[in-house]
Amino acid sequence: MSASAEGPGRPMAEHGVSMAGRGVLLRRLGVADAGPYRAFRLEALRATPSAFTSSHAEEAARPPAVTERRLAEAESGPGALIGAFDGAGTLVGTAGLKVPSRTRERHKGTLYGMAVARGAGGRGIGRVLVREVLRTAARDGLLRQVLLTVSEGNEPALRLYTACGFEVWGREPRAVLVDGRAVAKLHMVRLLDGERAEPAGC
């Protein structure tokens, strides 16, 4: 399935899921989702500043057109930006898969923009989003690994990624400065060739 197979308003029918008695729908985001996505991302940057490389102030200063371009790129593929919506249609989680265009790097994707709204935590939404990113990567046909970075000390995220088959391959000290405080980043990789898209623990 290509990244443009479903429009921004159409659900990923095979991946609608129900958790903890509450319906959560996954679907690919597109330009039509620019408003809700921008608001969600700004709140995530404000609530957990050490988890991201971008700052809330920098992102807020960018014009909405920047968000629209980001979503247009995700919508056209080969990567994707996936949103999780609650029963009221509110965006409560996101995770993306970015795929480089250069031939020698086309075999590796990057999981990015992983975030779950604070009010929606504890329902397994992050796990379902990571699974969908891995499924998307496996369906691509050319990807052989998925990379990501996670802030050191973010133990819930590290446990989730480890359960989904990611392994730490490096550590970058002082990767970002958050209000003058140095935060290290762990670099992780999930190999896809010859393996199931989803480990048993994911």
N, C-alpha and C. Protein backbone atom coordinates (compact mmCIF):
# COMPACT_ATOMS: atom_id res chain seq x y z
N MET A 1 0.85 -1.19 0.00
CA MET A 1 0.00 0.00 0.00
C MET A 1 0.89 1.24 0.00
N SER A 2 0.66 2.13 -0.89
CA SER A 2 1.48 3.33 -0.95
C SER A 2 0.99 4.34 0.06
N ALA A 3 1.82 5.35 0.33
CA ALA A 3 1.46 6.35 1.33
C ALA A 3 0.26 7.17 0.90
N SER A 4 -0.02 7.21 -0.39
CA SER A 4 -1.13 8.03 -0.85
C SER A 4 -2.38 7.21 -1.11
N ALA A 5 -2.39 5.92 -0.71
CA ALA A 5 -3.52 5.07 -1.00
C ALA A 5 -4.77 5.49 -0.26
N GLU A 6 -4.59 6.12 0.93
CA GLU A 6 -5.73 6.63 1.66
C GLU A 6 -5.59 8.13 1.78
N GLY A 7 -6.64 8.85 1.47
CA GLY A 7 -6.61 10.28 1.62
C GLY A 7 -6.63 10.66 3.07
N PRO A 8 -6.41 11.95 3.41
CA PRO A 8 -6.32 12.37 4.79
C PRO A 8 -7.60 12.16 5.57
N GLY A 9 -8.73 12.06 4.90
CA GLY A 9 -9.99 11.89 5.61
C GLY A 9 -10.46 10.46 5.65
N ARG A 10 -9.70 9.51 5.11
CA ARG A 10 -10.14 8.13 5.03
C ARG A 10 -9.33 7.25 5.97
N PRO A 11 -10.00 6.40 6.78
CA PRO A 11 -9.29 5.58 7.76
C PRO A 11 -8.53 4.44 7.13
N MET A 12 -7.53 3.96 7.85
CA MET A 12 -6.83 2.74 7.47
C MET A 12 -7.69 1.60 7.98
N ALA A 13 -8.60 1.10 7.14
CA ALA A 13 -9.65 0.19 7.58
C ALA A 13 -9.11 -1.03 8.31
N GLU A 14 -7.97 -1.58 7.86
CA GLU A 14 -7.48 -2.79 8.47
C GLU A 14 -6.76 -2.57 9.78
N HIS A 15 -6.53 -1.29 10.14
CA HIS A 15 -5.78 -1.02 11.35
C HIS A 15 -6.54 -0.15 12.34
N GLY A 16 -7.89 -0.06 12.25
CA GLY A 16 -8.66 0.56 13.30
C GLY A 16 -8.57 -0.38 14.49
N VAL A 17 -8.33 0.15 15.70
CA VAL A 17 -8.14 -0.73 16.85
C VAL A 17 -8.97 -0.23 18.03
N SER A 18 -9.28 -1.11 18.93
CA SER A 18 -9.99 -0.75 20.14
C SER A 18 -9.14 -1.15 21.32
N MET A 19 -8.92 -0.23 22.25
CA MET A 19 -8.09 -0.52 23.42
C MET A 19 -8.78 -0.02 24.67
N ALA A 20 -8.70 -0.81 25.70
CA ALA A 20 -9.22 -0.43 27.02
C ALA A 20 -10.67 0.02 26.93
N GLY A 21 -11.44 -0.62 26.02
CA GLY A 21 -12.84 -0.30 25.90
C GLY A 21 -13.14 0.99 25.17
N ARG A 22 -12.12 1.64 24.66
CA ARG A 22 -12.32 2.91 23.94
C ARG A 22 -11.79 2.77 22.53
N GLY A 23 -12.57 3.19 21.56
CA GLY A 23 -12.14 3.07 20.18
C GLY A 23 -11.04 4.06 19.84
N VAL A 24 -10.00 3.57 19.21
CA VAL A 24 -8.91 4.42 18.72
C VAL A 24 -8.69 4.08 17.25
N LEU A 25 -8.77 5.06 16.41
CA LEU A 25 -8.64 4.86 14.97
C LEU A 25 -7.29 5.38 14.49
N LEU A 26 -6.58 4.57 13.72
CA LEU A 26 -5.33 5.00 13.09
C LEU A 26 -5.60 5.33 11.64
N ARG A 27 -5.03 6.43 11.18
CA ARG A 27 -5.06 6.72 9.75
C ARG A 27 -3.90 7.64 9.40
N ARG A 28 -3.58 7.63 8.12
CA ARG A 28 -2.50 8.49 7.63
C ARG A 28 -2.96 9.94 7.62
N LEU A 29 -2.07 10.83 7.99
CA LEU A 29 -2.37 12.25 7.98
C LEU A 29 -1.98 12.86 6.66
N GLY A 30 -2.72 13.89 6.27
CA GLY A 30 -2.42 14.62 5.05
C GLY A 30 -2.60 16.11 5.25
N VAL A 31 -2.54 16.87 4.18
CA VAL A 31 -2.60 18.33 4.27
C VAL A 31 -3.87 18.81 4.97
N ALA A 32 -4.97 18.09 4.78
CA ALA A 32 -6.24 18.48 5.41
C ALA A 32 -6.18 18.43 6.93
N ASP A 33 -5.18 17.73 7.47
CA ASP A 33 -5.03 17.62 8.93
C ASP A 33 -4.06 18.65 9.50
N ALA A 34 -3.64 19.61 8.70
CA ALA A 34 -2.59 20.54 9.12
C ALA A 34 -2.93 21.28 10.41
N GLY A 35 -4.16 21.75 10.56
CA GLY A 35 -4.55 22.50 11.76
C GLY A 35 -4.45 21.66 13.03
N PRO A 36 -5.15 20.53 13.09
CA PRO A 36 -5.06 19.68 14.29
C PRO A 36 -3.65 19.16 14.56
N TYR A 37 -2.92 18.83 13.49
CA TYR A 37 -1.57 18.31 13.68
C TYR A 37 -0.65 19.39 14.26
N ARG A 38 -0.75 20.60 13.75
CA ARG A 38 0.09 21.69 14.27
C ARG A 38 -0.21 21.93 15.75
N ALA A 39 -1.50 21.95 16.11
CA ALA A 39 -1.87 22.18 17.51
C ALA A 39 -1.37 21.04 18.40
N PHE A 40 -1.49 19.81 17.91
CA PHE A 40 -1.03 18.65 18.68
C PHE A 40 0.48 18.70 18.88
N ARG A 41 1.20 19.00 17.81
CA ARG A 41 2.66 19.03 17.90
C ARG A 41 3.15 20.14 18.83
N LEU A 42 2.53 21.30 18.76
CA LEU A 42 2.93 22.40 19.64
C LEU A 42 2.72 22.03 21.10
N GLU A 43 1.62 21.36 21.39
CA GLU A 43 1.36 20.95 22.77
C GLU A 43 2.37 19.91 23.23
N ALA A 44 2.73 18.98 22.34
CA ALA A 44 3.73 17.97 22.69
C ALA A 44 5.08 18.63 22.97
N LEU A 45 5.46 19.61 22.17
CA LEU A 45 6.72 20.31 22.38
C LEU A 45 6.71 21.10 23.69
N ARG A 46 5.55 21.65 24.03
CA ARG A 46 5.44 22.39 25.29
C ARG A 46 5.47 21.45 26.49
N ALA A 47 4.78 20.33 26.39
CA ALA A 47 4.63 19.43 27.54
C ALA A 47 5.89 18.62 27.83
N THR A 48 6.59 18.20 26.77
CA THR A 48 7.79 17.35 26.97
C THR A 48 8.95 17.90 26.13
N PRO A 49 9.50 19.04 26.51
CA PRO A 49 10.53 19.69 25.68
C PRO A 49 11.79 18.87 25.48
N SER A 50 12.16 18.03 26.46
CA SER A 50 13.41 17.27 26.32
C SER A 50 13.28 16.09 25.37
N ALA A 51 12.07 15.78 24.94
CA ALA A 51 11.88 14.62 24.06
C ALA A 51 12.11 14.94 22.59
N PHE A 52 12.20 16.22 22.26
CA PHE A 52 12.28 16.62 20.86
C PHE A 52 13.49 17.51 20.59
N THR A 53 13.92 17.48 19.34
CA THR A 53 15.01 18.38 18.93
C THR A 53 14.49 19.78 18.68
N SER A 54 13.29 19.89 18.08
CA SER A 54 12.68 21.21 17.86
C SER A 54 12.17 21.76 19.18
N SER A 55 12.18 23.10 19.30
CA SER A 55 11.64 23.74 20.49
C SER A 55 10.25 24.28 20.20
N HIS A 56 9.47 24.47 21.25
CA HIS A 56 8.12 25.01 21.09
C HIS A 56 8.18 26.40 20.46
N ALA A 57 9.11 27.24 20.92
CA ALA A 57 9.21 28.60 20.40
C ALA A 57 9.52 28.62 18.90
N GLU A 58 10.47 27.78 18.49
CA GLU A 58 10.83 27.73 17.07
C GLU A 58 9.66 27.24 16.22
N GLU A 59 8.99 26.19 16.69
CA GLU A 59 7.88 25.64 15.92
C GLU A 59 6.70 26.61 15.84
N ALA A 60 6.42 27.29 16.95
CA ALA A 60 5.31 28.24 16.97
C ALA A 60 5.57 29.42 16.04
N ALA A 61 6.84 29.76 15.84
CA ALA A 61 7.19 30.90 14.99
C ALA A 61 7.09 30.58 13.50
N ARG A 62 7.07 29.29 13.17
CA ARG A 62 7.00 28.92 11.76
C ARG A 62 5.58 29.12 11.24
N PRO A 63 5.42 29.58 10.00
CA PRO A 63 4.09 29.78 9.44
C PRO A 63 3.39 28.44 9.20
N PRO A 64 2.06 28.42 9.20
CA PRO A 64 1.32 27.19 8.96
C PRO A 64 1.71 26.49 7.65
N ALA A 65 2.21 27.26 6.69
CA ALA A 65 2.61 26.66 5.40
C ALA A 65 3.70 25.61 5.58
N VAL A 66 4.54 25.78 6.60
CA VAL A 66 5.60 24.80 6.85
C VAL A 66 4.98 23.47 7.26
N THR A 67 3.98 23.51 8.11
CA THR A 67 3.27 22.28 8.50
C THR A 67 2.59 21.65 7.30
N GLU A 68 1.99 22.46 6.46
CA GLU A 68 1.31 21.93 5.28
C GLU A 68 2.29 21.23 4.34
N ARG A 69 3.48 21.81 4.18
CA ARG A 69 4.50 21.18 3.32
C ARG A 69 4.96 19.85 3.92
N ARG A 70 5.13 19.82 5.23
CA ARG A 70 5.54 18.58 5.89
C ARG A 70 4.51 17.47 5.67
N LEU A 71 3.25 17.82 5.80
CA LEU A 71 2.19 16.84 5.61
C LEU A 71 2.03 16.45 4.15
N ALA A 72 2.27 17.39 3.25
CA ALA A 72 2.20 17.06 1.82
C ALA A 72 3.27 16.05 1.46
N GLU A 73 4.46 16.21 2.00
CA GLU A 73 5.54 15.25 1.74
C GLU A 73 5.19 13.88 2.29
N ALA A 74 4.64 13.84 3.51
CA ALA A 74 4.26 12.57 4.10
C ALA A 74 3.13 11.91 3.32
N GLU A 75 2.22 12.73 2.83
CA GLU A 75 1.06 12.21 2.10
C GLU A 75 1.46 11.60 0.76
N SER A 76 2.47 12.19 0.12
CA SER A 76 2.88 11.71 -1.20
C SER A 76 3.80 10.50 -1.12
N GLY A 77 4.33 10.21 0.06
CA GLY A 77 5.18 9.03 0.25
C GLY A 77 6.60 9.26 -0.24
N PRO A 78 7.46 8.24 -0.09
CA PRO A 78 7.14 6.87 0.30
C PRO A 78 6.96 6.65 1.80
N GLY A 79 7.24 7.63 2.62
CA GLY A 79 7.01 7.50 4.04
C GLY A 79 5.57 7.78 4.39
N ALA A 80 5.30 8.04 5.66
CA ALA A 80 3.93 8.32 6.11
C ALA A 80 3.98 8.98 7.47
N LEU A 81 2.93 9.75 7.78
CA LEU A 81 2.73 10.29 9.12
C LEU A 81 1.38 9.75 9.58
N ILE A 82 1.39 9.02 10.67
CA ILE A 82 0.19 8.31 11.13
C ILE A 82 -0.36 9.00 12.36
N GLY A 83 -1.68 9.16 12.38
CA GLY A 83 -2.34 9.77 13.53
C GLY A 83 -3.25 8.78 14.22
N ALA A 84 -3.36 8.90 15.54
CA ALA A 84 -4.30 8.11 16.33
C ALA A 84 -5.39 9.06 16.80
N PHE A 85 -6.65 8.68 16.56
CA PHE A 85 -7.80 9.51 16.92
C PHE A 85 -8.69 8.79 17.91
N ASP A 86 -9.20 9.52 18.90
CA ASP A 86 -10.10 8.90 19.87
C ASP A 86 -11.53 8.87 19.32
N GLY A 87 -12.45 8.40 20.13
CA GLY A 87 -13.82 8.25 19.67
C GLY A 87 -14.49 9.55 19.29
N ALA A 88 -13.98 10.66 19.80
CA ALA A 88 -14.54 11.97 19.47
C ALA A 88 -13.88 12.58 18.24
N GLY A 89 -12.93 11.86 17.64
CA GLY A 89 -12.24 12.36 16.47
C GLY A 89 -11.09 13.29 16.78
N THR A 90 -10.64 13.30 18.03
CA THR A 90 -9.53 14.15 18.44
C THR A 90 -8.21 13.43 18.22
N LEU A 91 -7.24 14.14 17.66
CA LEU A 91 -5.91 13.58 17.46
C LEU A 91 -5.22 13.43 18.81
N VAL A 92 -4.86 12.18 19.17
CA VAL A 92 -4.26 11.91 20.48
C VAL A 92 -2.88 11.27 20.38
N GLY A 93 -2.40 11.02 19.17
CA GLY A 93 -1.07 10.44 19.03
C GLY A 93 -0.59 10.51 17.59
N THR A 94 0.74 10.58 17.42
CA THR A 94 1.33 10.61 16.09
C THR A 94 2.64 9.83 16.07
N ALA A 95 2.98 9.31 14.91
CA ALA A 95 4.29 8.72 14.66
C ALA A 95 4.50 8.72 13.16
N GLY A 96 5.71 9.04 12.73
CA GLY A 96 5.99 9.12 11.30
C GLY A 96 7.11 8.20 10.87
N LEU A 97 7.14 7.93 9.58
CA LEU A 97 8.22 7.18 8.95
C LEU A 97 8.76 8.02 7.81
N LYS A 98 10.01 8.44 7.94
CA LYS A 98 10.66 9.24 6.89
C LYS A 98 11.61 8.35 6.11
N VAL A 99 11.54 8.46 4.78
CA VAL A 99 12.36 7.63 3.90
C VAL A 99 13.21 8.54 3.02
N PRO A 100 14.54 8.38 3.04
CA PRO A 100 15.41 9.24 2.22
C PRO A 100 15.24 8.94 0.74
N SER A 101 15.54 9.93 -0.08
CA SER A 101 15.36 9.78 -1.54
C SER A 101 16.65 9.29 -2.22
N ARG A 102 17.82 9.48 -1.59
CA ARG A 102 19.07 9.08 -2.22
C ARG A 102 19.18 7.56 -2.29
N THR A 103 19.62 7.06 -3.43
CA THR A 103 19.64 5.63 -3.69
C THR A 103 20.39 4.84 -2.62
N ARG A 104 21.53 5.35 -2.21
CA ARG A 104 22.35 4.60 -1.26
C ARG A 104 21.81 4.63 0.17
N GLU A 105 20.79 5.42 0.41
CA GLU A 105 20.17 5.47 1.74
C GLU A 105 18.72 5.00 1.73
N ARG A 106 18.26 4.58 0.54
CA ARG A 106 16.84 4.25 0.40
C ARG A 106 16.43 3.02 1.22
N HIS A 107 17.40 2.29 1.74
CA HIS A 107 17.10 1.07 2.49
C HIS A 107 16.80 1.33 3.97
N LYS A 108 16.93 2.58 4.42
CA LYS A 108 16.73 2.86 5.84
C LYS A 108 15.73 3.99 6.05
N GLY A 109 14.75 3.72 6.89
CA GLY A 109 13.77 4.73 7.24
C GLY A 109 14.03 5.22 8.65
N THR A 110 13.35 6.30 9.02
CA THR A 110 13.50 6.87 10.36
C THR A 110 12.13 7.06 10.99
N LEU A 111 11.94 6.53 12.18
CA LEU A 111 10.73 6.78 12.95
C LEU A 111 10.89 8.14 13.61
N TYR A 112 9.93 9.03 13.43
CA TYR A 112 10.04 10.39 13.97
C TYR A 112 8.68 10.86 14.48
N GLY A 113 8.70 11.95 15.22
CA GLY A 113 7.47 12.61 15.65
C GLY A 113 6.57 11.78 16.53
N MET A 114 7.15 10.83 17.27
CA MET A 114 6.35 9.96 18.13
C MET A 114 5.89 10.73 19.36
N ALA A 115 4.57 10.81 19.55
CA ALA A 115 4.03 11.54 20.70
C ALA A 115 2.61 11.06 20.98
N VAL A 116 2.25 11.04 22.26
CA VAL A 116 0.91 10.69 22.69
C VAL A 116 0.44 11.76 23.66
N ALA A 117 -0.78 12.23 23.49
CA ALA A 117 -1.32 13.26 24.38
C ALA A 117 -1.33 12.76 25.82
N ARG A 118 -1.03 13.65 26.75
CA ARG A 118 -0.93 13.24 28.15
C ARG A 118 -2.23 12.62 28.66
N GLY A 119 -3.35 13.16 28.24
CA GLY A 119 -4.62 12.63 28.69
C GLY A 119 -4.96 11.27 28.12
N ALA A 120 -4.19 10.84 27.12
CA ALA A 120 -4.45 9.55 26.48
C ALA A 120 -3.40 8.51 26.84
N GLY A 121 -2.52 8.82 27.77
CA GLY A 121 -1.47 7.89 28.15
C GLY A 121 -2.01 6.66 28.87
N GLY A 122 -1.22 5.59 28.85
CA GLY A 122 -1.59 4.38 29.54
C GLY A 122 -2.57 3.49 28.82
N ARG A 123 -2.86 3.79 27.56
CA ARG A 123 -3.82 3.00 26.80
C ARG A 123 -3.17 2.20 25.67
N GLY A 124 -1.85 2.23 25.60
CA GLY A 124 -1.16 1.47 24.57
C GLY A 124 -1.15 2.11 23.21
N ILE A 125 -1.46 3.40 23.13
CA ILE A 125 -1.53 4.09 21.84
C ILE A 125 -0.15 4.18 21.20
N GLY A 126 0.88 4.47 22.01
CA GLY A 126 2.23 4.54 21.47
C GLY A 126 2.66 3.23 20.86
N ARG A 127 2.34 2.13 21.51
CA ARG A 127 2.71 0.81 21.01
C ARG A 127 2.04 0.53 19.67
N VAL A 128 0.77 0.87 19.56
CA VAL A 128 0.05 0.65 18.30
C VAL A 128 0.62 1.51 17.18
N LEU A 129 1.04 2.73 17.51
CA LEU A 129 1.64 3.60 16.50
C LEU A 129 2.98 3.05 16.02
N VAL A 130 3.81 2.56 16.95
CA VAL A 130 5.09 1.98 16.54
C VAL A 130 4.85 0.76 15.66
N ARG A 131 3.88 -0.08 16.03
CA ARG A 131 3.55 -1.24 15.19
C ARG A 131 3.18 -0.81 13.78
N GLU A 132 2.39 0.25 13.67
CA GLU A 132 1.95 0.68 12.35
C GLU A 132 3.10 1.25 11.53
N VAL A 133 4.02 1.93 12.18
CA VAL A 133 5.21 2.41 11.47
C VAL A 133 6.01 1.23 10.94
N LEU A 134 6.18 0.19 11.76
CA LEU A 134 6.91 -0.99 11.31
C LEU A 134 6.18 -1.72 10.19
N ARG A 135 4.86 -1.78 10.26
CA ARG A 135 4.09 -2.40 9.17
C ARG A 135 4.27 -1.61 7.88
N THR A 136 4.22 -0.28 8.01
CA THR A 136 4.39 0.56 6.84
C THR A 136 5.76 0.35 6.22
N ALA A 137 6.78 0.25 7.07
CA ALA A 137 8.14 0.01 6.58
C ALA A 137 8.25 -1.34 5.89
N ALA A 138 7.63 -2.37 6.47
CA ALA A 138 7.70 -3.71 5.90
C ALA A 138 7.00 -3.77 4.55
N ARG A 139 5.90 -3.02 4.39
CA ARG A 139 5.16 -3.02 3.13
C ARG A 139 5.89 -2.25 2.03
N ASP A 140 6.83 -1.41 2.42
CA ASP A 140 7.53 -0.58 1.44
C ASP A 140 8.29 -1.43 0.42
N GLY A 141 8.89 -2.52 0.85
CA GLY A 141 9.58 -3.41 -0.06
C GLY A 141 11.06 -3.13 -0.24
N LEU A 142 11.49 -1.90 0.01
CA LEU A 142 12.91 -1.55 -0.15
C LEU A 142 13.61 -1.30 1.18
N LEU A 143 12.84 -0.99 2.21
CA LEU A 143 13.45 -0.69 3.50
C LEU A 143 13.96 -1.95 4.19
N ARG A 144 15.15 -1.84 4.76
CA ARG A 144 15.75 -2.97 5.46
C ARG A 144 15.99 -2.68 6.93
N GLN A 145 15.79 -1.42 7.34
CA GLN A 145 15.94 -1.07 8.75
C GLN A 145 15.23 0.24 9.04
N VAL A 146 14.87 0.41 10.30
CA VAL A 146 14.24 1.64 10.77
C VAL A 146 15.07 2.18 11.93
N LEU A 147 15.41 3.45 11.86
CA LEU A 147 16.21 4.13 12.87
C LEU A 147 15.35 5.06 13.71
N LEU A 148 15.84 5.41 14.89
CA LEU A 148 15.19 6.43 15.70
C LEU A 148 16.19 6.93 16.73
N THR A 149 15.86 8.06 17.34
CA THR A 149 16.63 8.54 18.49
C THR A 149 15.65 8.77 19.63
N VAL A 150 16.11 8.53 20.84
CA VAL A 150 15.28 8.74 22.03
C VAL A 150 16.14 9.42 23.09
N SER A 151 15.55 10.36 23.79
CA SER A 151 16.30 11.09 24.82
C SER A 151 16.67 10.16 25.96
N GLU A 152 17.91 10.23 26.39
CA GLU A 152 18.36 9.42 27.52
C GLU A 152 17.56 9.81 28.76
N GLY A 153 17.08 8.81 29.47
CA GLY A 153 16.25 9.08 30.65
C GLY A 153 14.77 8.93 30.39
N ASN A 154 14.39 8.84 29.12
CA ASN A 154 12.98 8.63 28.77
C ASN A 154 12.72 7.12 28.79
N GLU A 155 12.62 6.57 29.99
CA GLU A 155 12.55 5.12 30.16
C GLU A 155 11.29 4.50 29.56
N PRO A 156 10.10 5.13 29.68
CA PRO A 156 8.93 4.51 29.06
C PRO A 156 9.10 4.34 27.54
N ALA A 157 9.64 5.35 26.87
CA ALA A 157 9.86 5.26 25.43
C ALA A 157 10.91 4.21 25.10
N LEU A 158 11.98 4.17 25.89
CA LEU A 158 13.04 3.20 25.66
C LEU A 158 12.52 1.77 25.82
N ARG A 159 11.68 1.54 26.84
CA ARG A 159 11.10 0.20 27.04
C ARG A 159 10.21 -0.18 25.86
N LEU A 160 9.42 0.77 25.38
CA LEU A 160 8.54 0.51 24.25
C LEU A 160 9.34 0.14 23.01
N TYR A 161 10.33 0.93 22.68
CA TYR A 161 11.12 0.67 21.47
C TYR A 161 11.87 -0.66 21.59
N THR A 162 12.38 -0.95 22.77
CA THR A 162 13.09 -2.21 22.97
C THR A 162 12.13 -3.39 22.78
N ALA A 163 10.92 -3.28 23.31
CA ALA A 163 9.92 -4.35 23.16
C ALA A 163 9.55 -4.56 21.71
N CYS A 164 9.67 -3.51 20.90
CA CYS A 164 9.32 -3.59 19.49
C CYS A 164 10.52 -3.94 18.61
N GLY A 165 11.61 -4.38 19.24
CA GLY A 165 12.73 -4.92 18.48
C GLY A 165 13.85 -3.94 18.17
N PHE A 166 13.78 -2.71 18.66
CA PHE A 166 14.86 -1.75 18.42
C PHE A 166 16.00 -2.01 19.40
N GLU A 167 17.23 -1.79 18.93
CA GLU A 167 18.41 -1.97 19.76
C GLU A 167 19.25 -0.69 19.74
N VAL A 168 19.82 -0.36 20.89
CA VAL A 168 20.71 0.81 20.98
C VAL A 168 22.03 0.50 20.30
N TRP A 169 22.46 1.39 19.38
CA TRP A 169 23.76 1.19 18.74
C TRP A 169 24.73 2.33 19.02
N GLY A 170 24.24 3.37 19.66
CA GLY A 170 25.14 4.48 19.96
C GLY A 170 24.50 5.49 20.89
N ARG A 171 25.34 6.33 21.46
CA ARG A 171 24.89 7.38 22.37
C ARG A 171 25.59 8.68 22.00
N GLU A 172 24.81 9.71 21.81
CA GLU A 172 25.37 11.03 21.50
C GLU A 172 25.25 11.92 22.73
N PRO A 173 26.36 12.24 23.37
CA PRO A 173 26.29 13.11 24.55
C PRO A 173 25.96 14.54 24.13
N ARG A 174 25.23 15.22 24.99
CA ARG A 174 24.86 16.62 24.73
C ARG A 174 24.28 16.80 23.33
N ALA A 175 23.38 15.90 22.95
CA ALA A 175 22.79 15.97 21.60
C ALA A 175 21.96 17.24 21.43
N VAL A 176 21.26 17.64 22.48
CA VAL A 176 20.47 18.88 22.44
C VAL A 176 20.64 19.59 23.77
N LEU A 177 20.45 20.90 23.74
CA LEU A 177 20.44 21.72 24.94
C LEU A 177 19.03 22.23 25.16
N VAL A 178 18.42 21.85 26.26
CA VAL A 178 17.05 22.26 26.58
C VAL A 178 17.12 23.23 27.75
N ASP A 179 16.90 24.51 27.46
CA ASP A 179 17.03 25.55 28.48
C ASP A 179 18.38 25.48 29.17
N GLY A 180 19.43 25.24 28.38
CA GLY A 180 20.78 25.19 28.89
C GLY A 180 21.19 23.86 29.49
N ARG A 181 20.26 22.92 29.59
CA ARG A 181 20.57 21.60 30.15
C ARG A 181 20.86 20.61 29.03
N ALA A 182 21.99 19.93 29.13
CA ALA A 182 22.39 18.98 28.09
C ALA A 182 21.59 17.69 28.21
N VAL A 183 21.08 17.22 27.06
CA VAL A 183 20.33 15.97 27.01
C VAL A 183 20.99 15.07 25.97
N ALA A 184 21.38 13.87 26.39
CA ALA A 184 21.98 12.91 25.47
C ALA A 184 20.89 12.17 24.70
N LYS A 185 21.23 11.70 23.51
CA LYS A 185 20.30 10.93 22.68
C LYS A 185 20.86 9.53 22.45
N LEU A 186 19.99 8.54 22.59
CA LEU A 186 20.34 7.16 22.25
C LEU A 186 19.89 6.89 20.83
N HIS A 187 20.77 6.31 20.03
CA HIS A 187 20.44 5.95 18.65
C HIS A 187 20.07 4.48 18.62
N MET A 188 18.92 4.18 18.02
CA MET A 188 18.42 2.80 17.99
C MET A 188 18.12 2.39 16.55
N VAL A 189 18.17 1.08 16.30
CA VAL A 189 17.87 0.55 14.97
C VAL A 189 17.04 -0.72 15.11
N ARG A 190 16.14 -0.91 14.16
CA ARG A 190 15.34 -2.13 14.07
C ARG A 190 15.54 -2.71 12.68
N LEU A 191 16.24 -3.85 12.59
CA LEU A 191 16.46 -4.50 11.31
C LEU A 191 15.19 -5.21 10.86
N LEU A 192 14.87 -5.11 9.56
CA LEU A 192 13.64 -5.67 9.03
C LEU A 192 13.85 -6.94 8.23
N ASP A 193 15.00 -7.10 7.60
CA ASP A 193 15.19 -8.22 6.69
C ASP A 193 15.15 -9.56 7.44
N GLY A 194 14.29 -10.44 6.94
CA GLY A 194 14.18 -11.77 7.47
C GLY A 194 13.49 -11.85 8.82
N GLU A 195 12.83 -10.76 9.26
CA GLU A 195 12.16 -10.76 10.55
C GLU A 195 10.71 -10.35 10.40
N ARG A 196 9.91 -10.73 11.37
CA ARG A 196 8.52 -10.29 11.40
C ARG A 196 8.48 -8.78 11.61
N ALA A 197 7.44 -8.14 11.07
CA ALA A 197 7.31 -6.70 11.24
C ALA A 197 7.08 -6.36 12.71
N GLU A 198 6.47 -7.27 13.47
CA GLU A 198 6.16 -6.98 14.86
C GLU A 198 6.70 -8.08 15.77
N PRO A 199 7.65 -7.79 16.66
CA PRO A 199 8.09 -8.77 17.65
C PRO A 199 6.93 -9.13 18.57
N ALA A 200 7.02 -10.26 19.23
CA ALA A 200 5.95 -10.72 20.09
C ALA A 200 5.62 -9.72 21.20
N GLY A 201 6.64 -8.99 21.69
CA GLY A 201 6.40 -8.06 22.78
C GLY A 201 5.92 -6.69 22.38
N CYS A 202 5.80 -6.45 21.09
CA CYS A 202 5.43 -5.13 20.61
C CYS A 202 3.91 -4.99 20.53
